[in-house]
Amino acid sequence: MAVTFPIADVPDAWARHEHYVLRLLWRLSRRPGDEVLRTPRESSDGASLAREVCALAATLRRVGTGPGTTVAVLTEPNHPAMPAARWAAHLLGACVVHIRATNPRSDTVTLSTDTRLRVLAETGATVLVTDAGHAEQAAELVRRAPGPLRLVGVGTRAPGTATSGDDGLVRPGDLPAHDPARRAVVAFTSGSTGEPKGIVQSFATWNAIVNSFPGGTEPGERTGILVVTPLAHTVGSMVDAVLCDGGRAVLHEGFDPGEVLRAFGSGTITDAYLAVPHLYALIDHPALPDTDLSRLRRVVYSGTPASPRRIAEAHRVFGDCLIQLYGTTEAGGISGLTPLDHREPELLSSVGRPFPWVRVVIRDPDTGAEVPRGETGEVVVEAPTVMDGYLSDPAPTWPTGPDPEETGLRTGDLGHWDVYGYLHLDGRVGQVIKSGGLKIHPTAVEQALLTHPGVAQAVVYGVRAEDLTEYVHAIVVPRPGAAPTADELRSLVGTTLSPLHTPTEITFREVLPLTERGKPDRAGLRSRTGGKPDNGSSWKGTT
């Protein structure tokens, strides 16, 4: 039996189909009049969103999109056209690559035209989907592209553009057979050092990522997820899961703490995904005490190491809805702290336990041997959400030891297990500071600095002097109105860890220097700090 829908006959078999877009269309057919997507300027119900996706798919199909092809997307970060383009391309069995920006937490720094052209060439994209705001940039890319590139517009009729809506609607009989092994997404890593690397995710991998996030939390309650980070990254699969479960998504153009708190107080938001600095900004905002947070069910935060002290502050405000997520672009979600975990202060320095579908092993980075509990090694992951390969190496294996059968994704993150089986992160493999015969992990020093009530943020890195001796340096951002001194922070680190962990130099700034992908710019800091550091304890001031 088929469900009659204004745009197509949606088979009942799609309700539990492996392909997430088929499940999405089935769900929209069941709620054609319900609001499912809202932005500051417009709202879409189930019927209108399904029409938009199927109309865009029809136009993509006319210009040659199908299994094995790649569609590039250049739109505003949280414009409805962005997820619609991905859903439409995936209906046709095509791969998607987003070329606006690579920062999963913010979209303020966009890719250059030359970088976009390189991505188009490397992915073999033959179609570019754009919105009205990017029509001129898209036209330039078409002119300069190394090969044929068809332009498809959503909400624009620029010259040379095939406009979505002019080709009718794609219907179930027009769709190719689903193949889980096909390439679905090319994404880019957002590491703090080096160039971003393109990674490949198959339909099987993307579906596993969508399925890893439960679309709802309460039986009979409709989920409303607030989106303040770019849909092209982590939150995109969460929105897919929520909509497939019958929920709604509210899209903000970026993160504004006041607007977020107003959305929380509106009574329509149950879920949100935030970067760690976003969470800090909310608990520091003067409007927070007057905001009704009673409807919140899940506030997921991730991206950078979180201060246990500040997370304890957040828990006192938000209660049992906080979820900490540790993951990577290459692996997907790896582990997390549950709402109940947040009640235990001794667990807040960890990133929780691995998810049930994830196997984590801590191995010696040099030998590949599994290290004993409590010792630091590299985090190695096996899971259905792990990428299928790098764009430059589509079928890699990741040997992790002398036994060729021992494989897994080497994350580059250093970590250790505690006595409760919780995972603690100790930094990155390439960021270990070797000072005084001791391996110093910057994350440990950062966490010690963050225990000071006057410290809002901290980043630690190593600086090598002319005699090749490496020294610990720190950048500290004080909390508003606070004035911690370098002496008291050094004393804190020396007492908490050891005298060898004490930063030789501490610089105070108003903001942390970040890379264009939103990570602390350790490489830039290290390159700008030359020669033997100042061993004095004077306040360095704001630079």
Protein backbone atom coordinates (compact mmCIF):
# COMPACT_ATOMS: atom_id res chain seq x y z
CA MET A 1 0.00 0.00 0.00
CA ALA A 2 1.25 3.50 -0.84
CA VAL A 3 0.69 6.72 1.04
CA THR A 4 -0.89 9.32 -1.23
CA PHE A 5 1.17 12.49 -1.07
CA PRO A 6 0.76 15.73 -2.98
CA ILE A 7 3.99 15.19 -4.92
CA ALA A 8 4.35 11.42 -5.25
CA ASP A 9 3.28 8.05 -4.02
CA VAL A 10 5.68 7.30 -1.19
CA PRO A 11 5.94 3.53 -0.59
CA ASP A 12 5.46 2.22 2.94
CA ALA A 13 8.75 0.33 2.50
CA TRP A 14 10.59 3.66 2.78
CA ALA A 15 9.59 3.97 6.44
CA ARG A 16 12.45 1.72 7.53
CA HIS A 17 14.71 1.95 4.49
CA GLU A 18 18.46 2.04 4.98
CA HIS A 19 18.66 5.20 2.84
CA TYR A 20 18.01 8.09 5.21
CA VAL A 21 16.49 10.39 2.52
CA LEU A 22 13.85 7.81 1.67
CA ARG A 23 12.98 7.62 5.37
CA LEU A 24 12.89 11.41 5.47
CA LEU A 25 10.46 11.65 2.54
CA TRP A 26 8.24 8.98 4.08
CA ARG A 27 8.14 10.96 7.33
CA LEU A 28 7.33 14.20 5.50
CA SER A 29 4.48 12.41 3.74
CA ARG A 30 3.04 11.53 7.14
CA ARG A 31 3.20 15.14 8.37
CA PRO A 32 2.52 17.23 5.23
CA GLY A 33 1.07 20.17 7.18
CA ASP A 34 3.50 20.25 10.10
CA GLU A 35 6.29 22.82 10.25
CA VAL A 36 9.58 20.98 9.78
CA LEU A 37 12.11 23.69 8.93
CA ARG A 38 12.24 27.31 10.09
CA THR A 39 14.66 30.16 9.47
CA PRO A 40 14.46 33.82 10.55
CA ARG A 41 12.82 34.59 7.17
CA GLU A 42 10.74 31.56 6.19
CA SER A 43 9.11 28.34 7.29
CA SER A 44 8.55 25.04 5.49
CA ASP A 45 5.98 22.36 6.22
CA GLY A 46 6.40 18.71 5.28
CA ALA A 47 4.75 19.08 1.89
CA SER A 48 6.70 22.17 0.79
CA LEU A 49 10.04 20.74 1.93
CA ALA A 50 9.42 17.45 0.12
CA ARG A 51 8.45 19.38 -3.03
CA GLU A 52 11.64 21.44 -2.82
CA VAL A 53 13.81 18.33 -2.51
CA CYS A 54 12.07 16.45 -5.32
CA ALA A 55 12.07 19.52 -7.60
CA LEU A 56 15.79 20.08 -7.03
CA ALA A 57 16.44 16.38 -7.66
CA ALA A 58 14.57 16.62 -10.99
CA THR A 59 16.74 19.53 -12.11
CA LEU A 60 19.94 17.81 -10.96
CA ARG A 61 18.87 14.71 -12.88
CA ARG A 62 18.30 16.76 -16.07
CA VAL A 63 21.84 18.20 -15.95
CA GLY A 64 23.41 14.78 -15.62
CA THR A 65 23.52 14.01 -11.89
CA GLY A 66 23.34 10.34 -11.03
CA PRO A 67 25.23 7.48 -9.37
CA GLY A 68 28.97 8.11 -9.34
CA THR A 69 28.75 11.86 -10.00
CA THR A 70 29.61 14.64 -7.54
CA VAL A 71 27.55 17.72 -6.70
CA ALA A 72 29.26 20.73 -5.11
CA VAL A 73 27.20 23.02 -2.86
CA LEU A 74 27.84 26.75 -2.36
CA THR A 75 25.11 28.43 -0.30
CA GLU A 76 24.68 30.32 2.94
CA PRO A 77 25.73 28.04 5.82
CA ASN A 78 22.23 27.44 7.17
CA HIS A 79 20.09 28.26 4.14
CA PRO A 80 17.44 25.55 3.55
CA ALA A 81 18.99 25.04 0.12
CA MET A 82 22.09 23.53 1.74
CA PRO A 83 20.46 20.40 3.23
CA ALA A 84 17.97 20.25 0.34
CA ALA A 85 20.86 20.00 -2.14
CA ARG A 86 22.42 17.15 -0.17
CA TRP A 87 19.11 15.29 0.11
CA ALA A 88 18.34 15.76 -3.60
CA ALA A 89 21.80 14.60 -4.71
CA HIS A 90 21.66 11.61 -2.38
CA LEU A 91 18.26 10.63 -3.80
CA LEU A 92 20.01 10.29 -7.14
CA GLY A 93 22.93 8.28 -5.74
CA ALA A 94 25.39 11.16 -6.16
CA CYS A 95 28.14 12.42 -3.87
CA VAL A 96 28.09 15.87 -2.20
CA VAL A 97 30.92 18.23 -1.30
CA HIS A 98 30.40 21.58 0.46
CA ILE A 99 32.79 24.28 -0.69
CA ARG A 100 31.87 27.37 1.33
CA ALA A 101 34.05 26.75 4.40
CA THR A 102 35.69 23.92 6.37
CA ASN A 103 35.20 25.08 9.98
CA PRO A 104 32.57 22.83 11.61
CA ARG A 105 31.91 25.37 14.37
CA SER A 106 31.69 28.65 12.41
CA ASP A 107 31.33 29.84 8.83
CA THR A 108 32.87 33.28 9.18
CA VAL A 109 36.05 32.41 7.23
CA THR A 110 35.25 31.07 3.78
CA LEU A 111 37.43 29.20 1.30
CA SER A 112 39.21 31.19 -1.38
CA THR A 113 38.24 30.87 -5.04
CA ASP A 114 41.50 29.03 -5.79
CA THR A 115 40.86 26.55 -2.95
CA ARG A 116 37.31 25.98 -4.19
CA LEU A 117 38.61 25.31 -7.68
CA ARG A 118 41.09 22.80 -6.25
CA VAL A 119 38.29 21.03 -4.38
CA LEU A 120 36.13 20.93 -7.51
CA ALA A 121 39.01 19.38 -9.46
CA GLU A 122 39.95 16.86 -6.77
CA THR A 123 36.38 15.65 -6.29
CA GLY A 124 35.47 15.63 -9.97
CA ALA A 125 32.36 17.73 -9.37
CA THR A 126 30.29 18.29 -12.52
CA VAL A 127 27.40 20.26 -10.96
CA LEU A 128 27.41 23.25 -8.62
CA VAL A 129 24.30 24.16 -6.60
CA THR A 130 24.09 27.77 -5.42
CA ASP A 131 21.67 30.27 -3.89
CA ALA A 132 21.03 33.89 -4.87
CA GLY A 133 23.65 35.20 -2.46
CA HIS A 134 26.43 33.18 -4.09
CA ALA A 135 25.35 33.34 -7.75
CA GLU A 136 28.23 35.62 -8.81
CA GLN A 137 30.86 33.53 -7.00
CA ALA A 138 29.38 30.37 -8.51
CA ALA A 139 29.45 31.88 -12.01
CA GLU A 140 33.15 32.70 -11.59
CA LEU A 141 33.84 29.11 -10.55
CA VAL A 142 32.03 27.85 -13.64
CA ARG A 143 34.13 30.14 -15.84
CA ARG A 144 37.41 29.03 -14.24
CA ALA A 145 36.64 25.36 -13.62
CA PRO A 146 39.13 22.94 -15.21
CA GLY A 147 36.27 20.92 -16.75
CA PRO A 148 32.58 21.21 -17.56
CA LEU A 149 30.57 22.42 -14.56
CA ARG A 150 26.79 22.89 -14.73
CA LEU A 151 25.23 25.51 -12.48
CA VAL A 152 21.94 24.84 -10.66
CA GLY A 153 20.27 27.66 -8.77
CA VAL A 154 17.87 27.61 -5.83
CA GLY A 155 15.93 30.87 -5.67
CA THR A 156 17.96 32.44 -8.47
CA ARG A 157 17.57 32.72 -12.26
CA ALA A 158 21.04 33.97 -13.07
CA PRO A 159 22.13 33.59 -16.72
CA GLY A 160 23.40 30.11 -17.51
CA THR A 161 21.77 28.65 -14.43
CA ALA A 162 19.33 25.74 -14.44
CA THR A 163 16.72 26.77 -11.89
CA SER A 164 15.22 24.30 -9.45
CA GLY A 165 11.48 23.99 -9.98
CA ASP A 166 11.54 24.21 -13.78
CA ASP A 167 11.75 20.45 -14.34
CA GLY A 168 8.82 19.07 -12.39
CA LEU A 169 9.36 16.56 -9.61
CA VAL A 170 11.43 13.42 -9.40
CA ARG A 171 9.29 10.42 -8.47
CA PRO A 172 10.07 7.04 -6.92
CA GLY A 173 10.31 5.34 -10.31
CA ASP A 174 12.99 7.83 -11.41
CA LEU A 175 15.40 6.90 -8.63
CA PRO A 176 18.38 4.54 -9.02
CA ALA A 177 18.72 1.42 -6.90
CA HIS A 178 20.36 2.19 -3.57
CA ASP A 179 24.00 1.08 -3.30
CA PRO A 180 25.50 1.49 0.21
CA ALA A 181 29.04 1.28 -1.17
CA ARG A 182 28.71 4.40 -3.35
CA ARG A 183 30.51 7.58 -2.34
CA ALA A 184 28.06 9.90 -0.55
CA VAL A 185 30.07 12.73 1.03
CA VAL A 186 33.51 14.27 0.70
CA ALA A 187 34.29 16.25 3.84
CA PHE A 188 37.43 17.90 5.12
CA THR A 189 39.30 17.51 8.37
CA SER A 190 39.68 20.60 10.54
CA GLY A 191 42.94 19.87 12.33
CA SER A 192 44.87 22.56 14.13
CA THR A 193 48.01 22.05 12.07
CA GLY A 194 48.64 21.35 8.41
CA GLU A 195 46.34 21.47 5.41
CA PRO A 196 42.83 19.98 5.67
CA LYS A 197 42.52 16.54 4.08
CA GLY A 198 39.54 15.40 2.08
CA ILE A 199 37.85 12.31 3.46
CA VAL A 200 35.33 10.00 1.78
CA GLN A 201 32.16 8.66 3.39
CA SER A 202 30.03 6.06 1.62
CA PHE A 203 26.25 5.89 1.88
CA ALA A 204 26.70 3.07 4.40
CA THR A 205 28.92 5.30 6.52
CA TRP A 206 26.66 8.36 6.27
CA ASN A 207 23.58 6.31 7.15
CA ALA A 208 25.45 4.91 10.17
CA ILE A 209 26.30 8.47 11.27
CA VAL A 210 22.65 9.54 10.95
CA ASN A 211 21.47 6.45 12.81
CA SER A 212 23.95 7.07 15.65
CA PHE A 213 21.97 10.12 16.81
CA PRO A 214 18.52 9.23 18.20
CA GLY A 215 15.98 11.51 16.55
CA GLY A 216 13.94 11.91 19.71
CA THR A 217 14.30 11.47 23.46
CA GLU A 218 10.75 11.30 24.83
CA PRO A 219 8.00 9.02 23.43
CA GLY A 220 5.22 11.13 21.97
CA GLU A 221 7.20 14.39 22.26
CA ARG A 222 8.22 16.13 19.06
CA THR A 223 11.88 17.10 18.97
CA GLY A 224 12.88 20.63 17.99
CA ILE A 225 16.60 21.06 17.28
CA LEU A 226 18.26 24.47 17.20
CA VAL A 227 21.04 24.83 14.61
CA VAL A 228 23.69 27.53 15.13
CA THR A 229 26.71 25.81 13.53
CA PRO A 230 27.06 25.11 9.78
CA LEU A 231 24.75 22.38 8.44
CA ALA A 232 27.58 21.17 6.22
CA HIS A 233 29.29 19.63 9.23
CA THR A 234 28.52 17.81 12.50
CA VAL A 235 25.02 19.13 13.12
CA GLY A 236 23.84 18.18 9.62
CA SER A 237 23.50 14.47 10.40
CA MET A 238 21.75 15.34 13.68
CA VAL A 239 19.15 17.35 11.75
CA ASP A 240 18.70 14.39 9.39
CA ALA A 241 18.00 12.11 12.36
CA VAL A 242 15.55 14.55 13.97
CA LEU A 243 13.57 15.10 10.76
CA CYS A 244 13.49 11.37 10.00
CA ASP A 245 11.94 10.93 13.44
CA GLY A 246 9.24 13.51 12.78
CA GLY A 247 10.84 16.52 14.48
CA ARG A 248 11.60 20.06 13.34
CA ALA A 249 14.77 22.12 12.86
CA VAL A 250 15.16 25.82 13.61
CA LEU A 251 18.06 27.31 11.66
CA HIS A 252 19.97 30.36 12.91
CA GLU A 253 22.50 32.06 10.66
CA GLY A 254 25.19 31.75 13.33
CA PHE A 255 25.71 31.74 17.06
CA ASP A 256 24.36 34.70 19.02
CA PRO A 257 24.00 33.90 22.75
CA GLY A 258 21.05 36.23 23.25
CA GLU A 259 19.18 34.77 20.27
CA VAL A 260 19.93 31.24 21.43
CA LEU A 261 18.55 31.94 24.90
CA ARG A 262 15.42 33.49 23.39
CA ALA A 263 14.98 30.35 21.27
CA PHE A 264 15.43 28.15 24.34
CA GLY A 265 12.79 30.16 26.18
CA SER A 266 10.29 29.96 23.30
CA GLY A 267 9.20 26.45 24.28
CA THR A 268 9.77 24.94 20.81
CA ILE A 269 13.42 23.90 21.25
CA THR A 270 14.26 20.59 22.94
CA ASP A 271 17.73 19.96 21.47
CA ALA A 272 20.79 21.95 20.46
CA TYR A 273 24.33 21.30 19.29
CA LEU A 274 26.97 23.79 20.50
CA ALA A 275 30.71 24.27 20.35
CA VAL A 276 32.36 24.39 23.78
CA PRO A 277 32.94 28.20 23.60
CA HIS A 278 29.22 28.61 22.80
CA LEU A 279 28.30 26.83 26.02
CA TYR A 280 30.64 29.09 27.98
CA ALA A 281 29.08 32.18 26.39
CA LEU A 282 25.59 31.04 27.39
CA ILE A 283 26.42 30.45 31.05
CA ASP A 284 28.10 33.89 31.19
CA HIS A 285 25.18 35.71 29.52
CA PRO A 286 23.19 38.12 31.74
CA ALA A 287 19.86 36.91 30.29
CA LEU A 288 20.40 33.31 31.38
CA PRO A 289 18.86 33.58 34.89
CA ASP A 290 15.58 34.80 33.35
CA THR A 291 15.43 32.13 30.61
CA ASP A 292 13.05 29.17 30.90
CA LEU A 293 15.14 26.07 30.09
CA SER A 294 12.52 23.52 31.15
CA ARG A 295 11.82 22.26 27.62
CA LEU A 296 15.45 21.36 26.91
CA ARG A 297 16.15 17.61 26.65
CA ARG A 298 19.60 17.48 24.97
CA VAL A 299 22.33 20.09 24.74
CA VAL A 300 25.23 18.40 22.95
CA TYR A 301 28.60 20.16 23.06
CA SER A 302 31.93 19.26 21.45
CA GLY A 303 34.82 20.58 19.39
CA THR A 304 37.57 21.40 21.88
CA PRO A 305 38.59 20.15 25.35
CA ALA A 306 36.17 21.43 27.97
CA SER A 307 37.06 22.81 31.38
CA PRO A 308 35.62 20.56 34.14
CA ARG A 309 35.03 23.63 36.30
CA ARG A 310 33.08 25.42 33.58
CA ILE A 311 31.11 22.28 32.68
CA ALA A 312 30.16 21.94 36.33
CA GLU A 313 28.88 25.52 36.14
CA ALA A 314 26.88 24.64 33.03
CA HIS A 315 25.40 21.57 34.72
CA ARG A 316 24.19 23.66 37.63
CA VAL A 317 22.28 25.79 35.12
CA PHE A 318 21.12 23.31 32.47
CA GLY A 319 20.70 20.24 34.66
CA ASP A 320 20.44 16.74 33.24
CA CYS A 321 20.37 17.61 29.54
CA LEU A 322 24.09 18.11 28.87
CA ILE A 323 25.87 15.59 26.63
CA GLN A 324 29.56 15.90 25.84
CA LEU A 325 30.58 14.45 22.47
CA TYR A 326 34.10 13.44 21.49
CA GLY A 327 34.60 12.61 17.84
CA THR A 328 36.55 13.43 14.72
CA THR A 329 35.69 14.12 11.10
CA GLU A 330 37.32 10.84 10.13
CA ALA A 331 35.70 8.66 12.82
CA GLY A 332 32.36 10.28 13.63
CA GLY A 333 31.28 10.16 17.26
CA ILE A 334 33.65 8.15 19.46
CA SER A 335 32.58 8.63 23.08
CA GLY A 336 30.49 10.86 25.29
CA LEU A 337 29.54 11.96 28.76
CA THR A 338 25.87 11.24 29.46
CA PRO A 339 23.58 13.59 31.41
CA LEU A 340 24.03 11.40 34.51
CA ASP A 341 27.81 11.45 34.09
CA HIS A 342 27.66 15.22 34.48
CA ARG A 343 26.48 14.73 38.07
CA GLU A 344 29.87 13.25 39.01
CA PRO A 345 32.59 15.95 39.20
CA GLU A 346 35.42 13.40 38.95
CA LEU A 347 34.19 12.36 35.48
CA LEU A 348 34.15 15.84 33.95
CA SER A 349 37.83 15.74 33.05
CA SER A 350 37.11 12.77 30.77
CA VAL A 351 35.35 12.47 27.41
CA GLY A 352 33.20 9.63 28.67
CA ARG A 353 32.85 6.05 27.56
CA PRO A 354 32.88 4.83 23.94
CA PHE A 355 29.51 4.49 22.28
CA PRO A 356 28.22 0.89 21.97
CA TRP A 357 29.06 0.68 18.26
CA VAL A 358 32.64 1.96 18.74
CA ARG A 359 35.73 -0.05 19.70
CA VAL A 360 38.56 2.03 21.16
CA VAL A 361 42.08 0.75 21.85
CA ILE A 362 44.92 2.85 23.31
CA ARG A 363 48.18 1.96 21.57
CA ASP A 364 51.80 3.04 21.77
CA PRO A 365 52.23 5.49 18.84
CA ASP A 366 55.64 4.01 17.98
CA THR A 367 55.17 0.26 18.42
CA GLY A 368 51.41 -0.16 18.04
CA ALA A 369 51.26 -2.26 21.20
CA GLU A 370 48.25 -1.77 23.46
CA VAL A 371 49.29 0.20 26.54
CA PRO A 372 48.21 -0.67 30.10
CA ARG A 373 45.25 1.10 31.67
CA GLY A 374 46.29 4.51 32.98
CA GLU A 375 49.16 4.98 30.52
CA THR A 376 49.00 7.43 27.63
CA GLY A 377 48.91 6.23 24.05
CA GLU A 378 47.23 6.96 20.74
CA VAL A 379 43.46 6.55 20.46
CA VAL A 380 42.65 3.94 17.79
CA VAL A 381 39.03 3.49 16.65
CA GLU A 382 36.93 0.92 14.80
CA ALA A 383 33.27 1.75 14.06
CA PRO A 384 30.72 1.75 11.20
CA THR A 385 30.91 5.57 11.28
CA VAL A 386 34.63 5.63 10.41
CA MET A 387 35.36 7.16 7.00
CA ASP A 388 35.95 4.92 4.00
CA GLY A 389 39.25 6.59 3.18
CA TYR A 390 41.03 9.78 2.27
CA LEU A 391 40.25 11.39 -1.06
CA SER A 392 43.85 10.79 -2.11
CA ASP A 393 43.75 7.19 -0.83
CA PRO A 394 40.21 5.83 -1.21
CA ALA A 395 40.92 2.34 0.12
CA PRO A 396 43.45 2.61 2.93
CA THR A 397 44.19 0.34 5.83
CA TRP A 398 45.41 1.66 9.13
CA PRO A 399 47.88 -0.81 10.66
CA THR A 400 48.25 -0.11 14.36
CA GLY A 401 50.88 -2.61 15.38
CA PRO A 402 53.24 -5.35 14.29
CA ASP A 403 50.30 -7.75 13.70
CA PRO A 404 48.87 -6.92 10.22
CA GLU A 405 45.45 -8.07 11.42
CA GLU A 406 45.39 -5.30 14.01
CA THR A 407 43.89 -2.37 12.14
CA GLY A 408 41.88 0.69 13.04
CA LEU A 409 41.77 4.42 12.52
CA ARG A 410 44.71 6.15 14.18
CA THR A 411 43.10 9.38 15.37
CA GLY A 412 46.31 11.22 16.25
CA ASP A 413 44.78 11.94 19.66
CA LEU A 414 46.62 10.87 22.81
CA GLY A 415 44.57 9.45 25.65
CA HIS A 416 44.34 7.03 28.56
CA TRP A 417 41.71 4.99 30.43
CA ASP A 418 40.90 5.73 34.04
CA VAL A 419 39.92 3.08 36.61
CA TYR A 420 36.23 3.47 35.70
CA GLY A 421 36.76 2.83 31.98
CA TYR A 422 36.37 6.49 30.99
CA LEU A 423 38.55 7.95 28.27
CA HIS A 424 40.76 10.97 29.00
CA LEU A 425 42.48 12.97 26.24
CA ASP A 426 46.08 14.06 26.72
CA GLY A 427 46.72 16.05 23.54
CA ARG A 428 47.88 15.28 20.01
CA VAL A 429 50.68 12.97 18.91
CA GLY A 430 52.57 15.82 17.24
CA GLN A 431 52.04 18.29 20.08
CA VAL A 432 53.87 16.52 22.92
CA ILE A 433 56.41 18.82 24.55
CA LYS A 434 59.63 17.15 25.61
CA SER A 435 61.09 19.23 28.42
CA GLY A 436 63.49 18.24 31.18
CA GLY A 437 63.31 14.58 30.15
CA LEU A 438 59.52 14.54 30.59
CA LYS A 439 56.82 14.21 27.92
CA ILE A 440 54.39 17.03 28.66
CA HIS A 441 50.91 16.89 27.15
CA PRO A 442 49.56 20.42 26.49
CA THR A 443 45.99 19.38 27.30
CA ALA A 444 46.96 18.44 30.85
CA VAL A 445 48.52 21.88 31.44
CA GLU A 446 45.50 23.59 29.85
CA GLN A 447 43.13 21.73 32.14
CA ALA A 448 45.20 22.71 35.17
CA LEU A 449 45.11 26.39 34.14
CA LEU A 450 41.34 26.19 33.62
CA THR A 451 40.80 25.18 37.23
CA HIS A 452 41.65 28.75 38.22
CA PRO A 453 38.38 30.70 38.67
CA GLY A 454 39.84 33.69 36.83
CA VAL A 455 40.76 31.78 33.65
CA ALA A 456 38.21 31.56 30.84
CA GLN A 457 40.34 29.89 28.15
CA ALA A 458 43.89 28.60 27.78
CA VAL A 459 46.09 27.12 25.09
CA VAL A 460 49.51 25.54 25.71
CA TYR A 461 52.24 24.80 23.17
CA GLY A 462 55.96 24.08 23.03
CA VAL A 463 58.68 26.47 21.87
CA ARG A 464 62.15 25.24 20.94
CA ALA A 465 65.02 27.60 21.80
CA GLU A 466 68.30 28.01 19.93
CA ASP A 467 69.91 25.26 22.02
CA LEU A 468 67.00 22.95 20.95
CA THR A 469 65.64 22.86 24.48
CA GLU A 470 61.82 22.91 24.42
CA TYR A 471 59.86 25.17 26.76
CA VAL A 472 56.21 25.25 27.78
CA HIS A 473 54.34 28.39 26.73
CA ALA A 474 50.74 29.34 27.51
CA ILE A 475 48.20 31.84 26.25
CA VAL A 476 45.53 32.67 28.84
CA VAL A 477 42.26 34.56 28.38
CA PRO A 478 41.06 35.88 31.78
CA ARG A 479 37.40 35.89 32.70
CA PRO A 480 35.74 39.34 32.62
CA GLY A 481 36.79 41.33 35.65
CA ALA A 482 39.45 38.81 36.71
CA ALA A 483 43.20 39.47 36.79
CA PRO A 484 45.12 36.26 37.50
CA THR A 485 48.86 36.71 37.66
CA ALA A 486 51.48 34.62 35.93
CA ASP A 487 53.02 33.70 39.29
CA GLU A 488 49.82 32.27 40.75
CA LEU A 489 49.06 30.35 37.54
CA ARG A 490 52.57 28.85 37.50
CA SER A 491 52.13 27.86 41.14
CA LEU A 492 48.78 26.27 40.33
CA VAL A 493 50.21 24.19 37.49
CA GLY A 494 53.26 23.17 39.53
CA THR A 495 51.07 22.05 42.42
CA THR A 496 48.45 20.30 40.27
CA LEU A 497 50.91 18.52 37.95
CA SER A 498 54.63 19.04 38.62
CA PRO A 499 57.23 21.85 38.47
CA LEU A 500 58.34 20.59 35.04
CA HIS A 501 54.83 21.25 33.68
CA THR A 502 54.98 24.91 34.75
CA PRO A 503 54.83 27.28 31.75
CA THR A 504 58.03 29.21 31.25
CA GLU A 505 56.07 32.03 29.68
CA ILE A 506 52.41 33.01 30.13
CA THR A 507 50.87 35.61 27.86
CA PHE A 508 47.49 37.17 28.61
CA ARG A 509 45.14 38.02 25.75
CA GLU A 510 41.56 39.10 25.30
CA VAL A 511 40.87 36.32 22.77
CA LEU A 512 42.55 33.10 21.74
CA PRO A 513 44.30 33.07 18.36
CA LEU A 514 42.44 30.57 16.19
CA THR A 515 42.99 28.97 12.81
CA GLU A 516 40.43 29.64 10.08
CA ARG A 517 38.90 26.28 11.05
CA GLY A 518 38.23 27.46 14.59
CA LYS A 519 40.98 25.54 16.41
CA PRO A 520 43.64 27.09 18.67
CA ASP A 521 46.47 28.16 16.37
CA ARG A 522 49.31 26.29 18.06
CA ALA A 523 51.42 26.15 14.91
CA GLY A 524 51.11 29.88 14.34
CA LEU A 525 51.91 30.66 17.96
CA ARG A 526 54.93 28.38 17.86
CA SER A 527 56.24 29.93 14.64
CA ARG A 528 55.83 33.48 15.96
CA THR A 529 57.73 32.74 19.18
CA GLY A 530 61.44 32.51 18.48
CA GLY A 531 64.61 32.28 20.55
CA LYS A 532 64.92 31.58 24.24
CA PRO A 533 61.75 32.65 26.07
CA ASP A 534 61.58 35.19 28.85
CA ASN A 535 61.93 33.34 32.15
CA GLY A 536 60.50 36.19 34.18
CA SER A 537 57.13 36.12 35.84
CA SER A 538 55.87 39.55 34.88
CA TRP A 539 52.42 40.09 33.37
CA LYS A 540 52.84 40.09 29.59
CA GLY A 541 49.73 42.16 29.05
CA THR A 542 47.22 41.89 26.22
CA THR A 543 48.73 41.56 22.75
